Amino acid sequence: MKRYVMLFSLFFLMSLMVFAAGPKTYQVTGPILDIKGDVITVQKGTEKWELALDKTTKVTGDLKVGSKVTIEYQMKATTVTVKPAAPKPASPAKHS
């Protein structure tokens, strides 16, 4: 019986860790094109990525234009606007 309780506790703790992990982390790598205030612009292929930096951003090394960087980031909602759902169209009447 103790074995089942231990296994259940282990699975329960592991499931809590999964939910506590937070949003997925992504990364972008490329040369720095520009740094203005709290925004860094990085070239990824043919795209220019603008990412915000804040006081919690950990920076290792000297950020300067031309340096190659790898930036890890998470997507974060800044605002959410909920609109009412569109009414479903009435289904056509069945004729027998």
N, C-alpha and C. Protein backbone atom coordinates (compact mmCIF):
# COMPACT_ATOMS: atom_id res chain seq x y z
N MET A 1 0.83 -1.19 0.00
CA MET A 1 0.00 0.00 0.00
C MET A 1 0.87 1.26 0.00
N LYS A 2 1.96 1.20 0.77
CA LYS A 2 2.86 2.35 0.82
C LYS A 2 3.43 2.65 -0.57
N ARG A 3 3.69 1.60 -1.33
CA ARG A 3 4.25 1.77 -2.66
C ARG A 3 3.29 2.56 -3.55
N TYR A 4 2.00 2.24 -3.48
CA TYR A 4 0.99 2.95 -4.29
C TYR A 4 0.87 4.41 -3.88
N VAL A 5 0.92 4.66 -2.60
CA VAL A 5 0.85 6.03 -2.10
C VAL A 5 2.06 6.82 -2.57
N MET A 6 3.24 6.20 -2.50
CA MET A 6 4.47 6.86 -2.96
C MET A 6 4.41 7.15 -4.46
N LEU A 7 3.96 6.17 -5.26
CA LEU A 7 3.85 6.38 -6.71
C LEU A 7 2.85 7.48 -7.03
N PHE A 8 1.70 7.45 -6.35
CA PHE A 8 0.70 8.48 -6.59
C PHE A 8 1.25 9.86 -6.24
N SER A 9 1.96 9.96 -5.11
CA SER A 9 2.55 11.23 -4.70
C SER A 9 3.57 11.72 -5.71
N LEU A 10 4.37 10.80 -6.22
CA LEU A 10 5.38 11.16 -7.22
C LEU A 10 4.73 11.70 -8.49
N PHE A 11 3.72 11.00 -9.01
CA PHE A 11 3.03 11.46 -10.22
C PHE A 11 2.32 12.80 -9.98
N PHE A 12 1.76 12.96 -8.79
CA PHE A 12 1.08 14.22 -8.46
C PHE A 12 2.06 15.39 -8.45
N LEU A 13 3.22 15.20 -7.82
CA LEU A 13 4.23 16.26 -7.79
C LEU A 13 4.75 16.58 -9.18
N MET A 14 4.95 15.55 -10.01
CA MET A 14 5.42 15.79 -11.37
C MET A 14 4.40 16.57 -12.19
N SER A 15 3.12 16.28 -12.01
CA SER A 15 2.09 17.01 -12.75
C SER A 15 2.03 18.45 -12.29
N LEU A 16 2.26 18.72 -11.02
CA LEU A 16 2.30 20.11 -10.54
C LEU A 16 3.46 20.87 -11.16
N MET A 17 4.59 20.20 -11.32
CA MET A 17 5.76 20.84 -11.91
C MET A 17 5.50 21.21 -13.36
N VAL A 18 4.76 20.39 -14.08
CA VAL A 18 4.45 20.68 -15.48
C VAL A 18 3.60 21.94 -15.58
N PHE A 19 2.61 22.07 -14.71
CA PHE A 19 1.75 23.26 -14.76
C PHE A 19 2.47 24.50 -14.27
N ALA A 20 3.43 24.36 -13.40
CA ALA A 20 4.16 25.50 -12.86
C ALA A 20 5.27 25.97 -13.80
N ALA A 21 5.53 25.23 -14.86
CA ALA A 21 6.63 25.54 -15.76
C ALA A 21 6.45 26.86 -16.50
N GLY A 22 5.23 27.31 -16.71
CA GLY A 22 4.99 28.56 -17.41
C GLY A 22 4.97 28.39 -18.91
N PRO A 23 4.94 29.53 -19.62
CA PRO A 23 4.87 29.46 -21.08
C PRO A 23 6.16 28.92 -21.69
N LYS A 24 6.03 28.43 -22.90
CA LYS A 24 7.15 27.85 -23.63
C LYS A 24 8.19 28.94 -23.93
N THR A 25 9.46 28.56 -23.93
CA THR A 25 10.55 29.48 -24.25
C THR A 25 11.01 29.24 -25.68
N TYR A 26 11.20 30.33 -26.42
CA TYR A 26 11.66 30.28 -27.81
C TYR A 26 13.00 31.01 -27.89
N GLN A 27 13.66 30.94 -29.04
CA GLN A 27 14.89 31.71 -29.20
C GLN A 27 15.06 32.19 -30.63
N VAL A 28 15.79 33.29 -30.75
CA VAL A 28 16.14 33.85 -32.05
C VAL A 28 17.64 34.16 -32.00
N THR A 29 18.34 33.85 -33.10
CA THR A 29 19.78 34.10 -33.18
C THR A 29 20.08 34.91 -34.42
N GLY A 30 20.97 35.89 -34.28
CA GLY A 30 21.38 36.70 -35.42
C GLY A 30 22.15 37.92 -34.96
N PRO A 31 22.62 38.72 -35.92
CA PRO A 31 23.37 39.92 -35.57
C PRO A 31 22.44 41.04 -35.09
N ILE A 32 22.95 41.85 -34.17
CA ILE A 32 22.21 43.01 -33.69
C ILE A 32 22.25 44.10 -34.76
N LEU A 33 21.09 44.58 -35.17
CA LEU A 33 21.01 45.68 -36.14
C LEU A 33 20.93 47.03 -35.46
N ASP A 34 20.24 47.07 -34.30
CA ASP A 34 20.00 48.35 -33.63
C ASP A 34 19.65 48.11 -32.17
N ILE A 35 20.02 49.04 -31.33
CA ILE A 35 19.62 49.04 -29.92
C ILE A 35 19.16 50.46 -29.60
N LYS A 36 17.89 50.59 -29.27
CA LYS A 36 17.34 51.91 -28.91
C LYS A 36 16.56 51.76 -27.62
N GLY A 37 17.08 52.35 -26.55
CA GLY A 37 16.39 52.28 -25.27
C GLY A 37 16.22 50.84 -24.81
N ASP A 38 14.98 50.41 -24.71
CA ASP A 38 14.69 49.06 -24.24
C ASP A 38 14.27 48.12 -25.36
N VAL A 39 14.65 48.44 -26.61
CA VAL A 39 14.32 47.60 -27.76
C VAL A 39 15.60 47.22 -28.49
N ILE A 40 15.74 45.92 -28.78
CA ILE A 40 16.88 45.42 -29.55
C ILE A 40 16.33 44.83 -30.85
N THR A 41 16.97 45.17 -31.97
CA THR A 41 16.56 44.65 -33.28
C THR A 41 17.61 43.66 -33.76
N VAL A 42 17.14 42.45 -34.10
CA VAL A 42 18.02 41.37 -34.53
C VAL A 42 17.60 40.91 -35.92
N GLN A 43 18.58 40.62 -36.78
CA GLN A 43 18.31 40.11 -38.13
C GLN A 43 18.26 38.59 -38.07
N LYS A 44 17.12 38.01 -38.47
CA LYS A 44 17.00 36.55 -38.57
C LYS A 44 16.63 36.24 -40.00
N GLY A 45 17.59 35.76 -40.78
CA GLY A 45 17.34 35.52 -42.20
C GLY A 45 17.03 36.84 -42.88
N THR A 46 15.86 36.92 -43.50
CA THR A 46 15.46 38.17 -44.15
C THR A 46 14.55 39.02 -43.26
N GLU A 47 14.26 38.53 -42.06
CA GLU A 47 13.35 39.24 -41.15
C GLU A 47 14.11 40.03 -40.09
N LYS A 48 13.52 41.15 -39.69
CA LYS A 48 14.06 41.94 -38.59
C LYS A 48 13.14 41.75 -37.39
N TRP A 49 13.70 41.28 -36.29
CA TRP A 49 12.94 41.01 -35.07
C TRP A 49 13.22 42.10 -34.06
N GLU A 50 12.17 42.70 -33.51
CA GLU A 50 12.30 43.68 -32.44
C GLU A 50 11.83 43.02 -31.14
N LEU A 51 12.71 43.04 -30.15
CA LEU A 51 12.38 42.44 -28.86
C LEU A 51 12.62 43.47 -27.76
N ALA A 52 11.72 43.49 -26.79
CA ALA A 52 11.84 44.42 -25.67
C ALA A 52 12.76 43.86 -24.61
N LEU A 53 13.55 44.74 -24.01
CA LEU A 53 14.39 44.40 -22.87
C LEU A 53 13.81 45.12 -21.66
N ASP A 54 13.87 44.49 -20.49
CA ASP A 54 13.43 45.18 -19.28
C ASP A 54 14.42 44.89 -18.16
N LYS A 55 14.10 45.36 -16.96
CA LYS A 55 15.05 45.24 -15.85
C LYS A 55 15.30 43.79 -15.43
N THR A 56 14.41 42.87 -15.84
CA THR A 56 14.60 41.46 -15.48
C THR A 56 15.39 40.68 -16.54
N THR A 57 15.69 41.32 -17.68
CA THR A 57 16.43 40.64 -18.75
C THR A 57 17.88 40.45 -18.33
N LYS A 58 18.33 39.20 -18.36
CA LYS A 58 19.73 38.89 -18.02
C LYS A 58 20.56 39.01 -19.29
N VAL A 59 21.56 39.88 -19.26
CA VAL A 59 22.44 40.08 -20.41
C VAL A 59 23.85 39.63 -20.03
N THR A 60 24.40 38.72 -20.84
CA THR A 60 25.76 38.26 -20.63
C THR A 60 26.60 38.77 -21.78
N GLY A 61 27.58 39.61 -21.51
CA GLY A 61 28.42 40.19 -22.54
C GLY A 61 28.02 41.62 -22.84
N ASP A 62 28.66 42.20 -23.86
CA ASP A 62 28.46 43.60 -24.24
C ASP A 62 27.54 43.68 -25.45
N LEU A 63 26.37 44.27 -25.27
CA LEU A 63 25.43 44.44 -26.39
C LEU A 63 25.90 45.59 -27.26
N LYS A 64 26.20 45.29 -28.52
CA LYS A 64 26.54 46.35 -29.46
C LYS A 64 26.15 45.93 -30.87
N VAL A 65 25.87 46.90 -31.70
CA VAL A 65 25.47 46.64 -33.08
C VAL A 65 26.54 45.81 -33.78
N GLY A 66 26.09 44.76 -34.49
CA GLY A 66 26.99 43.88 -35.22
C GLY A 66 27.31 42.60 -34.47
N SER A 67 27.15 42.60 -33.13
CA SER A 67 27.42 41.39 -32.36
C SER A 67 26.35 40.35 -32.65
N LYS A 68 26.77 39.08 -32.70
CA LYS A 68 25.81 37.99 -32.88
C LYS A 68 25.28 37.60 -31.51
N VAL A 69 23.95 37.51 -31.40
CA VAL A 69 23.32 37.18 -30.13
C VAL A 69 22.32 36.04 -30.30
N THR A 70 22.07 35.36 -29.21
CA THR A 70 20.97 34.41 -29.12
C THR A 70 20.08 34.92 -28.00
N ILE A 71 18.83 35.18 -28.32
CA ILE A 71 17.88 35.73 -27.35
C ILE A 71 16.81 34.69 -27.08
N GLU A 72 16.61 34.38 -25.82
CA GLU A 72 15.52 33.51 -25.42
C GLU A 72 14.37 34.41 -24.98
N TYR A 73 13.16 34.06 -25.42
CA TYR A 73 12.00 34.88 -25.09
C TYR A 73 10.78 34.00 -24.90
N GLN A 74 9.77 34.59 -24.27
CA GLN A 74 8.47 33.93 -24.09
C GLN A 74 7.41 34.89 -24.60
N MET A 75 6.38 34.33 -25.21
CA MET A 75 5.27 35.15 -25.67
C MET A 75 4.42 35.52 -24.46
N LYS A 76 4.05 36.78 -24.39
CA LYS A 76 3.29 37.27 -23.25
C LYS A 76 2.18 38.19 -23.75
N ALA A 77 0.98 37.95 -23.29
CA ALA A 77 -0.14 38.81 -23.66
C ALA A 77 -0.03 40.13 -22.92
N THR A 78 -0.24 41.24 -23.62
CA THR A 78 -0.23 42.55 -22.97
C THR A 78 -1.65 43.06 -22.75
N THR A 79 -2.57 42.72 -23.64
CA THR A 79 -3.98 43.03 -23.45
C THR A 79 -4.82 41.91 -24.06
N VAL A 80 -5.99 41.73 -23.51
CA VAL A 80 -6.94 40.76 -24.04
C VAL A 80 -8.29 41.45 -24.12
N THR A 81 -8.87 41.52 -25.31
CA THR A 81 -10.18 42.11 -25.51
C THR A 81 -11.12 41.00 -25.95
N VAL A 82 -12.15 40.79 -25.16
CA VAL A 82 -13.12 39.74 -25.46
C VAL A 82 -14.32 40.36 -26.15
N LYS A 83 -14.70 39.79 -27.27
CA LYS A 83 -15.87 40.26 -28.01
C LYS A 83 -16.93 39.18 -27.95
N PRO A 84 -18.19 39.58 -27.96
CA PRO A 84 -19.24 38.56 -27.90
C PRO A 84 -19.17 37.64 -29.11
N ALA A 85 -19.49 36.38 -28.88
CA ALA A 85 -19.49 35.41 -29.97
C ALA A 85 -20.61 35.73 -30.94
N ALA A 86 -20.34 35.51 -32.21
CA ALA A 86 -21.36 35.75 -33.24
C ALA A 86 -22.47 34.73 -33.06
N PRO A 87 -23.72 35.16 -33.19
CA PRO A 87 -24.81 34.19 -33.06
C PRO A 87 -24.73 33.15 -34.17
N LYS A 88 -25.06 31.93 -33.82
CA LYS A 88 -25.06 30.85 -34.82
C LYS A 88 -26.24 31.02 -35.74
N PRO A 89 -26.03 30.83 -37.03
CA PRO A 89 -27.16 30.94 -37.97
C PRO A 89 -28.15 29.81 -37.71
N ALA A 90 -29.41 30.13 -37.88
CA ALA A 90 -30.46 29.12 -37.68
C ALA A 90 -30.29 28.01 -38.70
N SER A 91 -30.43 26.79 -38.25
CA SER A 91 -30.29 25.68 -39.19
C SER A 91 -31.57 25.60 -40.05
N PRO A 92 -31.42 25.24 -41.30
CA PRO A 92 -32.59 25.17 -42.17
C PRO A 92 -33.56 24.11 -41.67
N ALA A 93 -34.85 24.43 -41.81
CA ALA A 93 -35.88 23.49 -41.37
C ALA A 93 -35.89 22.27 -42.29
N LYS A 94 -36.08 21.12 -41.69
CA LYS A 94 -36.11 19.88 -42.47
C LYS A 94 -37.55 19.67 -42.96
N HIS A 95 -37.67 19.38 -44.24
CA HIS A 95 -38.99 19.09 -44.80
C HIS A 95 -39.09 17.58 -44.98
N SER A 96 -40.23 17.05 -44.58
CA SER A 96 -40.40 15.61 -44.73
C SER A 96 -41.23 15.28 -45.93
